[in-house]
Amino acid sequence: MTKRRVWIPIVAAALVVIVGAAVLYHRRGPRPAGPELARQDGAYGWSASFAVGTIFTDGLNLITVTDQAAGPLTLISATPLAPNGTLKVLGERVRVVPDMLPKGYQTGWFQQVDGFPPTTGDAVGGVPVKGLVVQPSKPGEDRWIEIEIGYQVTGAGRSTRAGVELLYTYDGQTRRAVIPSQLTICAPAKIACPAD
């Protein structure tokens, strides 16, 4: 009976330490991307005007996979940052370029195509983001992750997006990269839509 009583406080203390470590790890959040991805320092993007109701895919969300990675990256999610106005997010797809480009492709990227997900031309081949395993590049190889985001224009006005957040696991850690691809969409189709 005495031996059992001695173990109870030890087990309880161990559980407190484990739960405390898990809470601290969770609150700390994902780490920033490392040299496995080449981040762009400056923002880039595009703007356009569409009719209300238009559905389109934005494909100009790219980040380079480097040869500095010691192993694969597993994607968790891709989320548009601060979308506002009259754009409804329909979903996100991803592909690794050039690995997942369609046979006979002519261009390795696209800015925008009608519909979501893309079903024709060089824009096809995207898959759901969650769980996609991305291998590191070999020395001298050009490879990148392309996030495809589907939108619907839901009303007249101006909508903007500041970038795209990519969460992934690498080397046993959750990491975060921000793709600085900005988007400005206006409706109706005939109005001017400067990117600012």
N, C-alpha and C. Protein backbone atom coordinates (compact mmCIF):
# COMPACT_ATOMS: atom_id res chain seq x y z
N MET A 1 0.82 -1.19 0.00
CA MET A 1 0.00 0.00 0.00
C MET A 1 0.86 1.26 0.00
N THR A 2 1.96 1.27 0.72
CA THR A 2 2.83 2.42 0.82
C THR A 2 3.52 2.71 -0.52
N LYS A 3 3.93 1.68 -1.23
CA LYS A 3 4.60 1.89 -2.52
C LYS A 3 3.68 2.58 -3.52
N ARG A 4 2.40 2.22 -3.52
CA ARG A 4 1.45 2.86 -4.44
C ARG A 4 1.32 4.35 -4.13
N ARG A 5 1.28 4.72 -2.88
CA ARG A 5 1.14 6.12 -2.49
C ARG A 5 2.35 6.95 -2.90
N VAL A 6 3.53 6.36 -2.90
CA VAL A 6 4.74 7.06 -3.33
C VAL A 6 4.68 7.36 -4.82
N TRP A 7 4.18 6.45 -5.61
CA TRP A 7 4.12 6.63 -7.07
C TRP A 7 3.07 7.64 -7.51
N ILE A 8 2.00 7.78 -6.77
CA ILE A 8 0.93 8.70 -7.17
C ILE A 8 1.44 10.13 -7.32
N PRO A 9 2.17 10.71 -6.37
CA PRO A 9 2.67 12.08 -6.56
C PRO A 9 3.68 12.18 -7.71
N ILE A 10 4.48 11.15 -7.92
CA ILE A 10 5.46 11.17 -9.01
C ILE A 10 4.75 11.18 -10.36
N VAL A 11 3.75 10.33 -10.52
CA VAL A 11 2.98 10.28 -11.78
C VAL A 11 2.24 11.60 -11.98
N ALA A 12 1.65 12.12 -10.92
CA ALA A 12 0.93 13.40 -11.03
C ALA A 12 1.87 14.53 -11.44
N ALA A 13 3.05 14.58 -10.85
CA ALA A 13 4.03 15.61 -11.20
C ALA A 13 4.48 15.47 -12.66
N ALA A 14 4.69 14.25 -13.11
CA ALA A 14 5.08 14.02 -14.50
C ALA A 14 3.99 14.48 -15.46
N LEU A 15 2.75 14.21 -15.13
CA LEU A 15 1.64 14.65 -15.98
C LEU A 15 1.56 16.17 -16.05
N VAL A 16 1.77 16.84 -14.93
CA VAL A 16 1.76 18.31 -14.90
C VAL A 16 2.85 18.86 -15.82
N VAL A 17 4.04 18.28 -15.75
CA VAL A 17 5.15 18.73 -16.60
C VAL A 17 4.84 18.50 -18.08
N ILE A 18 4.30 17.35 -18.43
CA ILE A 18 3.97 17.04 -19.83
C ILE A 18 2.90 17.97 -20.35
N VAL A 19 1.83 18.15 -19.60
CA VAL A 19 0.74 19.04 -20.03
C VAL A 19 1.25 20.47 -20.14
N GLY A 20 2.06 20.91 -19.17
CA GLY A 20 2.62 22.27 -19.22
C GLY A 20 3.49 22.48 -20.45
N ALA A 21 4.32 21.51 -20.78
CA ALA A 21 5.16 21.61 -21.97
C ALA A 21 4.33 21.66 -23.24
N ALA A 22 3.27 20.85 -23.28
CA ALA A 22 2.40 20.85 -24.47
C ALA A 22 1.70 22.19 -24.63
N VAL A 23 1.23 22.77 -23.53
CA VAL A 23 0.56 24.08 -23.60
C VAL A 23 1.54 25.16 -24.07
N LEU A 24 2.74 25.17 -23.52
CA LEU A 24 3.74 26.16 -23.93
C LEU A 24 4.08 26.01 -25.41
N TYR A 25 4.24 24.77 -25.87
CA TYR A 25 4.56 24.54 -27.28
C TYR A 25 3.43 25.03 -28.17
N HIS A 26 2.19 24.73 -27.77
CA HIS A 26 1.04 25.14 -28.58
C HIS A 26 0.91 26.66 -28.62
N ARG A 27 1.12 27.33 -27.50
CA ARG A 27 0.98 28.79 -27.46
C ARG A 27 2.08 29.49 -28.25
N ARG A 28 3.24 28.87 -28.31
CA ARG A 28 4.35 29.49 -29.03
C ARG A 28 4.04 29.58 -30.52
N GLY A 29 3.27 28.67 -31.01
CA GLY A 29 2.87 28.70 -32.41
C GLY A 29 3.95 28.19 -33.34
N PRO A 30 3.68 28.25 -34.63
CA PRO A 30 4.65 27.73 -35.60
C PRO A 30 5.91 28.60 -35.67
N ARG A 31 7.01 27.97 -35.99
CA ARG A 31 8.26 28.69 -36.18
C ARG A 31 8.28 29.30 -37.57
N PRO A 32 9.10 30.33 -37.78
CA PRO A 32 9.20 30.90 -39.13
C PRO A 32 9.89 29.91 -40.08
N ALA A 33 9.63 30.09 -41.34
CA ALA A 33 10.27 29.25 -42.36
C ALA A 33 11.78 29.40 -42.27
N GLY A 34 12.47 28.32 -42.56
CA GLY A 34 13.92 28.33 -42.56
C GLY A 34 14.46 28.33 -43.98
N PRO A 35 15.70 27.91 -44.16
CA PRO A 35 16.31 27.93 -45.50
C PRO A 35 15.75 26.89 -46.46
N GLU A 36 14.81 26.06 -45.99
CA GLU A 36 14.18 25.09 -46.89
C GLU A 36 13.27 25.77 -47.92
N LEU A 37 12.85 26.99 -47.62
CA LEU A 37 12.04 27.79 -48.55
C LEU A 37 12.73 29.13 -48.76
N ALA A 38 12.79 29.58 -50.00
CA ALA A 38 13.37 30.89 -50.32
C ALA A 38 12.24 31.92 -50.30
N ARG A 39 12.27 32.79 -49.31
CA ARG A 39 11.22 33.79 -49.18
C ARG A 39 11.53 35.00 -50.03
N GLN A 40 10.48 35.66 -50.49
CA GLN A 40 10.65 36.91 -51.22
C GLN A 40 10.52 38.06 -50.24
N ASP A 41 11.39 39.04 -50.37
CA ASP A 41 11.34 40.18 -49.46
C ASP A 41 10.27 41.20 -49.84
N GLY A 42 10.05 41.37 -51.13
CA GLY A 42 9.10 42.38 -51.57
C GLY A 42 7.76 41.81 -51.98
N ALA A 43 6.72 42.60 -51.80
CA ALA A 43 5.39 42.19 -52.21
C ALA A 43 5.25 42.26 -53.72
N TYR A 44 4.37 41.44 -54.24
CA TYR A 44 4.04 41.45 -55.66
C TYR A 44 2.56 41.10 -55.78
N GLY A 45 2.01 41.18 -56.95
CA GLY A 45 0.61 40.80 -57.10
C GLY A 45 0.00 41.35 -58.37
N TRP A 46 -1.32 41.38 -58.38
CA TRP A 46 -2.04 41.84 -59.57
C TRP A 46 -3.41 42.37 -59.16
N SER A 47 -4.05 43.07 -60.11
CA SER A 47 -5.38 43.61 -59.87
C SER A 47 -6.20 43.47 -61.14
N ALA A 48 -7.51 43.41 -60.98
CA ALA A 48 -8.42 43.29 -62.13
C ALA A 48 -9.84 43.64 -61.68
N SER A 49 -10.69 43.85 -62.66
CA SER A 49 -12.11 44.07 -62.42
C SER A 49 -12.91 42.93 -63.04
N PHE A 50 -13.90 42.43 -62.28
CA PHE A 50 -14.74 41.32 -62.74
C PHE A 50 -16.20 41.65 -62.50
N ALA A 51 -17.07 40.95 -63.20
CA ALA A 51 -18.51 41.06 -62.97
C ALA A 51 -18.86 40.35 -61.66
N VAL A 52 -19.88 40.85 -60.99
CA VAL A 52 -20.38 40.19 -59.79
C VAL A 52 -20.81 38.77 -60.16
N GLY A 53 -20.45 37.80 -59.36
CA GLY A 53 -20.76 36.40 -59.63
C GLY A 53 -19.62 35.61 -60.25
N THR A 54 -18.60 36.32 -60.75
CA THR A 54 -17.47 35.65 -61.39
C THR A 54 -16.75 34.73 -60.40
N ILE A 55 -16.40 33.54 -60.87
CA ILE A 55 -15.58 32.60 -60.11
C ILE A 55 -14.26 32.47 -60.85
N PHE A 56 -13.17 32.61 -60.12
CA PHE A 56 -11.85 32.50 -60.76
C PHE A 56 -10.84 31.89 -59.80
N THR A 57 -9.72 31.46 -60.36
CA THR A 57 -8.62 30.92 -59.57
C THR A 57 -7.42 31.83 -59.71
N ASP A 58 -6.87 32.25 -58.56
CA ASP A 58 -5.65 33.04 -58.51
C ASP A 58 -4.49 32.07 -58.33
N GLY A 59 -3.55 32.06 -59.28
CA GLY A 59 -2.42 31.13 -59.21
C GLY A 59 -1.09 31.79 -58.94
N LEU A 60 -1.08 33.09 -58.73
CA LEU A 60 0.19 33.81 -58.60
C LEU A 60 0.64 33.87 -57.14
N ASN A 61 0.71 32.70 -56.50
CA ASN A 61 1.11 32.58 -55.10
C ASN A 61 2.20 31.53 -55.03
N LEU A 62 3.44 31.97 -55.16
CA LEU A 62 4.56 31.04 -55.37
C LEU A 62 5.63 31.21 -54.29
N ILE A 63 6.24 30.08 -53.89
CA ILE A 63 7.38 30.10 -52.99
C ILE A 63 8.34 29.00 -53.42
N THR A 64 9.62 29.32 -53.47
CA THR A 64 10.63 28.40 -53.98
C THR A 64 11.06 27.39 -52.93
N VAL A 65 11.14 26.14 -53.34
CA VAL A 65 11.68 25.06 -52.50
C VAL A 65 13.18 24.99 -52.79
N THR A 66 14.00 25.05 -51.76
CA THR A 66 15.45 25.12 -51.97
C THR A 66 16.11 23.76 -51.79
N ASP A 67 17.37 23.72 -52.15
CA ASP A 67 18.16 22.50 -51.93
C ASP A 67 18.79 22.48 -50.53
N GLN A 68 18.41 23.44 -49.68
CA GLN A 68 18.91 23.49 -48.31
C GLN A 68 18.13 22.58 -47.36
N ALA A 69 17.00 22.07 -47.82
CA ALA A 69 16.18 21.21 -46.97
C ALA A 69 16.86 19.85 -46.82
N ALA A 70 16.84 19.32 -45.60
CA ALA A 70 17.43 18.01 -45.33
C ALA A 70 16.41 16.89 -45.51
N GLY A 71 15.17 17.24 -45.79
CA GLY A 71 14.12 16.24 -45.95
C GLY A 71 12.86 16.90 -46.47
N PRO A 72 11.78 16.13 -46.57
CA PRO A 72 10.54 16.66 -47.15
C PRO A 72 9.80 17.62 -46.23
N LEU A 73 8.93 18.42 -46.84
CA LEU A 73 8.00 19.29 -46.15
C LEU A 73 6.62 18.69 -46.33
N THR A 74 5.80 18.69 -45.29
CA THR A 74 4.42 18.22 -45.41
C THR A 74 3.51 19.42 -45.18
N LEU A 75 2.71 19.75 -46.18
CA LEU A 75 1.86 20.95 -46.10
C LEU A 75 0.67 20.70 -45.19
N ILE A 76 0.30 21.74 -44.44
CA ILE A 76 -0.83 21.69 -43.53
C ILE A 76 -1.99 22.52 -44.07
N SER A 77 -1.70 23.78 -44.42
CA SER A 77 -2.77 24.66 -44.90
C SER A 77 -2.19 25.84 -45.65
N ALA A 78 -3.03 26.46 -46.46
CA ALA A 78 -2.71 27.72 -47.14
C ALA A 78 -3.92 28.63 -46.93
N THR A 79 -3.68 29.81 -46.36
CA THR A 79 -4.78 30.69 -45.99
C THR A 79 -4.54 32.10 -46.51
N PRO A 80 -5.49 32.65 -47.28
CA PRO A 80 -5.37 34.05 -47.69
C PRO A 80 -5.37 34.96 -46.45
N LEU A 81 -4.46 35.94 -46.42
CA LEU A 81 -4.35 36.85 -45.28
C LEU A 81 -5.21 38.09 -45.48
N ALA A 82 -6.01 38.35 -44.50
CA ALA A 82 -6.85 39.55 -44.45
C ALA A 82 -7.66 39.79 -45.72
N PRO A 83 -8.32 38.73 -46.24
CA PRO A 83 -9.18 39.02 -47.39
C PRO A 83 -10.35 39.87 -46.89
N ASN A 84 -10.72 40.85 -47.67
CA ASN A 84 -11.83 41.69 -47.25
C ASN A 84 -12.65 42.10 -48.46
N GLY A 85 -13.73 42.78 -48.20
CA GLY A 85 -14.55 43.27 -49.29
C GLY A 85 -15.51 42.21 -49.80
N THR A 86 -15.56 42.08 -51.09
CA THR A 86 -16.59 41.26 -51.72
C THR A 86 -16.03 40.02 -52.41
N LEU A 87 -14.97 39.45 -51.85
CA LEU A 87 -14.42 38.20 -52.36
C LEU A 87 -14.72 37.07 -51.39
N LYS A 88 -15.32 36.01 -51.86
CA LYS A 88 -15.57 34.83 -51.05
C LYS A 88 -14.54 33.78 -51.44
N VAL A 89 -13.83 33.24 -50.45
CA VAL A 89 -12.84 32.19 -50.71
C VAL A 89 -13.58 30.87 -50.90
N LEU A 90 -13.35 30.23 -52.05
CA LEU A 90 -13.99 28.95 -52.36
C LEU A 90 -13.13 27.75 -51.97
N GLY A 91 -11.84 27.96 -51.85
CA GLY A 91 -10.95 26.87 -51.48
C GLY A 91 -9.53 27.10 -51.94
N GLU A 92 -8.67 26.20 -51.52
CA GLU A 92 -7.25 26.30 -51.88
C GLU A 92 -6.78 24.95 -52.43
N ARG A 93 -5.96 25.01 -53.46
CA ARG A 93 -5.32 23.82 -54.04
C ARG A 93 -3.83 24.14 -54.14
N VAL A 94 -3.04 23.14 -54.42
CA VAL A 94 -1.59 23.33 -54.49
C VAL A 94 -1.02 22.38 -55.53
N ARG A 95 0.10 22.79 -56.08
CA ARG A 95 0.88 21.88 -56.90
C ARG A 95 2.35 22.26 -56.79
N VAL A 96 3.20 21.27 -57.00
CA VAL A 96 4.64 21.49 -57.01
C VAL A 96 5.04 21.63 -58.47
N VAL A 97 5.69 22.73 -58.80
CA VAL A 97 6.08 23.02 -60.18
C VAL A 97 7.59 22.80 -60.30
N PRO A 98 8.05 22.05 -61.29
CA PRO A 98 7.32 21.53 -62.45
C PRO A 98 6.76 20.12 -62.26
N ASP A 99 6.96 19.48 -61.10
CA ASP A 99 6.58 18.08 -60.90
C ASP A 99 5.13 17.78 -61.27
N MET A 100 4.21 18.68 -60.93
CA MET A 100 2.78 18.41 -61.08
C MET A 100 2.14 19.16 -62.25
N LEU A 101 2.95 19.68 -63.15
CA LEU A 101 2.39 20.35 -64.33
C LEU A 101 1.80 19.31 -65.28
N PRO A 102 0.76 19.69 -66.04
CA PRO A 102 0.17 18.73 -66.97
C PRO A 102 1.13 18.38 -68.11
N LYS A 103 0.94 17.20 -68.66
CA LYS A 103 1.77 16.75 -69.78
C LYS A 103 1.61 17.74 -70.95
N GLY A 104 2.73 18.10 -71.55
CA GLY A 104 2.71 19.01 -72.70
C GLY A 104 2.47 20.47 -72.33
N TYR A 105 2.69 20.83 -71.08
CA TYR A 105 2.44 22.21 -70.66
C TYR A 105 3.35 23.18 -71.43
N GLN A 106 2.89 24.44 -71.53
CA GLN A 106 3.67 25.46 -72.23
C GLN A 106 4.24 26.51 -71.28
N THR A 107 3.52 26.80 -70.21
CA THR A 107 4.03 27.74 -69.21
C THR A 107 4.00 27.07 -67.85
N GLY A 108 4.92 27.45 -66.97
CA GLY A 108 5.03 26.81 -65.67
C GLY A 108 4.25 27.47 -64.57
N TRP A 109 3.46 28.49 -64.87
CA TRP A 109 2.70 29.18 -63.85
C TRP A 109 1.53 29.89 -64.53
N PHE A 110 0.59 30.39 -63.73
CA PHE A 110 -0.50 31.20 -64.27
C PHE A 110 -0.90 32.23 -63.25
N GLN A 111 -1.41 33.34 -63.74
CA GLN A 111 -1.88 34.41 -62.86
C GLN A 111 -3.32 34.16 -62.45
N GLN A 112 -4.17 33.92 -63.42
CA GLN A 112 -5.60 33.78 -63.15
C GLN A 112 -6.26 32.99 -64.27
N VAL A 113 -7.20 32.12 -63.92
CA VAL A 113 -8.04 31.42 -64.89
C VAL A 113 -9.46 31.42 -64.38
N ASP A 114 -10.40 31.24 -65.30
CA ASP A 114 -11.81 31.17 -64.94
C ASP A 114 -12.12 29.87 -64.21
N GLY A 115 -13.07 29.95 -63.27
CA GLY A 115 -13.53 28.78 -62.54
C GLY A 115 -12.60 28.36 -61.42
N PHE A 116 -13.09 27.42 -60.61
CA PHE A 116 -12.29 26.81 -59.55
C PHE A 116 -12.86 25.44 -59.24
N PRO A 117 -12.00 24.42 -59.14
CA PRO A 117 -10.58 24.42 -59.46
C PRO A 117 -10.37 24.44 -60.97
N PRO A 118 -9.16 24.82 -61.41
CA PRO A 118 -8.89 24.85 -62.85
C PRO A 118 -9.07 23.47 -63.48
N THR A 119 -9.67 23.45 -64.66
CA THR A 119 -9.93 22.17 -65.32
C THR A 119 -9.34 22.08 -66.72
N THR A 120 -8.71 23.16 -67.18
CA THR A 120 -8.16 23.14 -68.54
C THR A 120 -6.79 23.79 -68.59
N GLY A 121 -6.06 23.47 -69.66
CA GLY A 121 -4.79 24.14 -69.96
C GLY A 121 -3.70 23.87 -68.94
N ASP A 122 -2.76 24.80 -68.87
CA ASP A 122 -1.58 24.65 -68.03
C ASP A 122 -1.87 24.82 -66.54
N ALA A 123 -3.09 25.20 -66.16
CA ALA A 123 -3.41 25.45 -64.76
C ALA A 123 -3.91 24.21 -64.02
N VAL A 124 -4.14 23.09 -64.71
CA VAL A 124 -4.67 21.90 -64.04
C VAL A 124 -3.58 21.19 -63.24
N GLY A 125 -4.00 20.29 -62.39
CA GLY A 125 -3.05 19.47 -61.64
C GLY A 125 -2.97 19.76 -60.17
N GLY A 126 -3.69 20.77 -59.68
CA GLY A 126 -3.65 21.09 -58.26
C GLY A 126 -4.39 20.03 -57.44
N VAL A 127 -3.94 19.85 -56.20
CA VAL A 127 -4.54 18.89 -55.27
C VAL A 127 -4.82 19.61 -53.96
N PRO A 128 -5.60 18.99 -53.05
CA PRO A 128 -5.80 19.62 -51.75
C PRO A 128 -4.47 19.86 -51.04
N VAL A 129 -4.41 20.94 -50.28
CA VAL A 129 -3.16 21.35 -49.63
C VAL A 129 -2.77 20.38 -48.52
N LYS A 130 -3.71 20.07 -47.64
CA LYS A 130 -3.40 19.29 -46.44
C LYS A 130 -2.80 17.94 -46.78
N GLY A 131 -1.60 17.70 -46.26
CA GLY A 131 -0.96 16.41 -46.41
C GLY A 131 -0.05 16.23 -47.61
N LEU A 132 0.02 17.22 -48.50
CA LEU A 132 0.90 17.07 -49.66
C LEU A 132 2.36 17.09 -49.19
N VAL A 133 3.12 16.10 -49.59
CA VAL A 133 4.54 16.00 -49.24
C VAL A 133 5.36 16.59 -50.38
N VAL A 134 6.21 17.56 -50.04
CA VAL A 134 7.04 18.26 -51.02
C VAL A 134 8.50 17.89 -50.76
N GLN A 135 9.14 17.31 -51.75
CA GLN A 135 10.54 16.92 -51.62
C GLN A 135 11.44 18.14 -51.82
N PRO A 136 12.61 18.17 -51.18
CA PRO A 136 13.53 19.30 -51.40
C PRO A 136 14.08 19.28 -52.81
N SER A 137 14.51 20.45 -53.26
CA SER A 137 15.11 20.55 -54.59
C SER A 137 16.50 19.94 -54.57
N LYS A 138 16.92 19.48 -55.72
CA LYS A 138 18.31 19.03 -55.89
C LYS A 138 19.14 20.25 -56.26
N PRO A 139 20.45 20.23 -56.01
CA PRO A 139 21.29 21.37 -56.37
C PRO A 139 21.09 21.76 -57.84
N GLY A 140 20.87 23.06 -58.07
CA GLY A 140 20.67 23.58 -59.42
C GLY A 140 19.28 23.39 -59.98
N GLU A 141 18.38 22.80 -59.21
CA GLU A 141 17.02 22.53 -59.69
C GLU A 141 16.08 23.67 -59.28
N ASP A 142 15.20 24.07 -60.19
CA ASP A 142 14.19 25.08 -59.89
C ASP A 142 12.87 24.39 -59.61
N ARG A 143 12.40 24.49 -58.36
CA ARG A 143 11.12 23.91 -57.97
C ARG A 143 10.43 24.89 -57.03
N TRP A 144 9.13 24.98 -57.15
CA TRP A 144 8.41 25.86 -56.24
C TRP A 144 7.03 25.30 -55.95
N ILE A 145 6.46 25.81 -54.86
CA ILE A 145 5.10 25.48 -54.45
C ILE A 145 4.20 26.58 -54.99
N GLU A 146 3.14 26.17 -55.66
CA GLU A 146 2.16 27.13 -56.21
C GLU A 146 0.83 26.91 -55.50
N ILE A 147 0.36 27.92 -54.79
CA ILE A 147 -0.94 27.87 -54.13
C ILE A 147 -1.98 28.46 -55.07
N GLU A 148 -3.02 27.70 -55.33
CA GLU A 148 -4.12 28.15 -56.20
C GLU A 148 -5.33 28.43 -55.29
N ILE A 149 -5.85 29.64 -55.35
CA ILE A 149 -6.97 30.02 -54.48
C ILE A 149 -8.18 30.36 -55.33
N GLY A 150 -9.29 29.71 -55.02
CA GLY A 150 -10.55 29.98 -55.72
C GLY A 150 -11.34 31.07 -55.02
N TYR A 151 -11.86 32.00 -55.83
CA TYR A 151 -12.66 33.11 -55.30
C TYR A 151 -13.94 33.26 -56.11
N GLN A 152 -14.95 33.82 -55.45
CA GLN A 152 -16.16 34.28 -56.12
C GLN A 152 -16.37 35.74 -55.75
N VAL A 153 -16.64 36.56 -56.76
CA VAL A 153 -16.95 37.97 -56.54
C VAL A 153 -18.43 38.04 -56.13
N THR A 154 -18.69 38.48 -54.89
CA THR A 154 -20.05 38.41 -54.36
C THR A 154 -20.83 39.72 -54.41
N GLY A 155 -20.16 40.82 -54.77
CA GLY A 155 -20.87 42.09 -54.84
C GLY A 155 -20.00 43.18 -55.42
N ALA A 156 -20.60 44.33 -55.67
CA ALA A 156 -19.85 45.47 -56.21
C ALA A 156 -18.95 46.04 -55.12
N GLY A 157 -17.80 46.55 -55.55
CA GLY A 157 -16.87 47.16 -54.60
C GLY A 157 -15.44 46.74 -54.88
N ARG A 158 -14.61 46.99 -53.90
CA ARG A 158 -13.18 46.72 -54.02
C ARG A 158 -12.75 45.75 -52.92
N SER A 159 -11.98 44.73 -53.26
CA SER A 159 -11.51 43.73 -52.31
C SER A 159 -10.00 43.60 -52.42
N THR A 160 -9.36 43.37 -51.27
CA THR A 160 -7.91 43.21 -51.28
C THR A 160 -7.50 42.00 -50.44
N ARG A 161 -6.31 41.50 -50.75
CA ARG A 161 -5.70 40.43 -49.96
C ARG A 161 -4.23 40.79 -49.78
N ALA A 162 -3.71 40.63 -48.55
CA ALA A 162 -2.34 41.05 -48.24
C ALA A 162 -1.29 40.01 -48.57
N GLY A 163 -1.66 38.74 -48.68
CA GLY A 163 -0.70 37.67 -48.94
C GLY A 163 -1.34 36.34 -48.62
N VAL A 164 -0.52 35.29 -48.58
CA VAL A 164 -1.01 33.94 -48.29
C VAL A 164 -0.09 33.30 -47.25
N GLU A 165 -0.68 32.77 -46.20
CA GLU A 165 0.07 32.07 -45.15
C GLU A 165 0.12 30.58 -45.49
N LEU A 166 1.32 30.03 -45.48
CA LEU A 166 1.53 28.60 -45.72
C LEU A 166 2.05 27.98 -44.43
N LEU A 167 1.32 26.99 -43.89
CA LEU A 167 1.76 26.23 -42.73
C LEU A 167 2.20 24.85 -43.20
N TYR A 168 3.29 24.37 -42.64
CA TYR A 168 3.81 23.06 -43.03
C TYR A 168 4.65 22.49 -41.89
N THR A 169 4.93 21.20 -41.95
CA THR A 169 5.84 20.59 -41.00
C THR A 169 7.13 20.25 -41.72
N TYR A 170 8.22 20.46 -41.01
CA TYR A 170 9.55 20.15 -41.54
C TYR A 170 10.47 19.86 -40.36
N ASP A 171 11.20 18.80 -40.44
CA ASP A 171 12.17 18.43 -39.41
C ASP A 171 11.50 18.37 -38.02
N GLY A 172 10.28 17.83 -37.98
CA GLY A 172 9.57 17.65 -36.73
C GLY A 172 8.95 18.91 -36.14
N GLN A 173 8.95 20.01 -36.90
CA GLN A 173 8.41 21.27 -36.39
C GLN A 173 7.34 21.82 -37.35
N THR A 174 6.37 22.51 -36.78
CA THR A 174 5.41 23.25 -37.60
C THR A 174 6.03 24.60 -37.92
N ARG A 175 6.01 24.95 -39.19
CA ARG A 175 6.60 26.21 -39.63
C ARG A 175 5.60 27.03 -40.43
N ARG A 176 5.91 28.33 -40.55
CA ARG A 176 5.00 29.27 -41.23
C ARG A 176 5.79 30.13 -42.20
N ALA A 177 5.29 30.22 -43.42
CA ALA A 177 5.85 31.14 -44.42
C ALA A 177 4.73 32.01 -44.93
N VAL A 178 5.03 33.28 -45.17
CA VAL A 178 4.04 34.18 -45.77
C VAL A 178 4.49 34.49 -47.19
N ILE A 179 3.64 34.16 -48.12
CA ILE A 179 3.87 34.48 -49.53
C ILE A 179 3.30 35.88 -49.73
N PRO A 180 4.13 36.86 -50.10
CA PRO A 180 3.68 38.25 -50.14
C PRO A 180 2.92 38.63 -51.41
N SER A 181 2.04 37.74 -51.86
CA SER A 181 1.29 37.99 -53.10
C SER A 181 0.01 38.74 -52.78
N GLN A 182 -0.05 39.96 -53.25
CA GLN A 182 -1.21 40.82 -53.01
C GLN A 182 -2.21 40.69 -54.15
N LEU A 183 -3.45 40.91 -53.82
CA LEU A 183 -4.53 40.80 -54.81
C LEU A 183 -5.52 41.92 -54.57
N THR A 184 -5.93 42.58 -55.64
CA THR A 184 -6.97 43.60 -55.58
C THR A 184 -7.98 43.30 -56.67
N ILE A 185 -9.25 43.12 -56.28
CA ILE A 185 -10.31 42.81 -57.24
C ILE A 185 -11.44 43.82 -57.04
N CYS A 186 -11.92 44.35 -58.17
CA CYS A 186 -13.02 45.31 -58.14
C CYS A 186 -14.20 44.78 -58.95
N ALA A 187 -15.37 45.25 -58.62
CA ALA A 187 -16.58 44.91 -59.38
C ALA A 187 -17.47 46.15 -59.35
N PRO A 188 -18.18 46.40 -60.48
CA PRO A 188 -18.36 45.57 -61.67
C PRO A 188 -17.14 45.59 -62.59
N ALA A 189 -17.26 44.84 -63.67
CA ALA A 189 -16.13 44.57 -64.56
C ALA A 189 -15.58 45.81 -65.26
N LYS A 190 -16.38 46.85 -65.45
CA LYS A 190 -15.95 47.99 -66.27
C LYS A 190 -15.29 49.11 -65.48
N ILE A 191 -15.12 48.96 -64.16
CA ILE A 191 -14.49 50.04 -63.40
C ILE A 191 -12.99 49.84 -63.32
N ALA A 192 -12.28 50.94 -63.13
CA ALA A 192 -10.82 50.87 -62.96
C ALA A 192 -10.51 50.26 -61.60
N CYS A 193 -9.39 49.52 -61.53
CA CYS A 193 -9.06 48.85 -60.28
C CYS A 193 -7.55 48.91 -60.04
N PRO A 194 -7.03 50.08 -59.62
CA PRO A 194 -5.60 50.18 -59.36
C PRO A 194 -5.21 49.33 -58.16
N ALA A 195 -4.00 48.80 -58.19
CA ALA A 195 -3.55 47.91 -57.11
C ALA A 195 -3.16 48.66 -55.85
N ASP A 196 -2.81 49.93 -55.93
CA ASP A 196 -2.31 50.74 -54.81
C ASP A 196 -0.99 50.19 -54.36
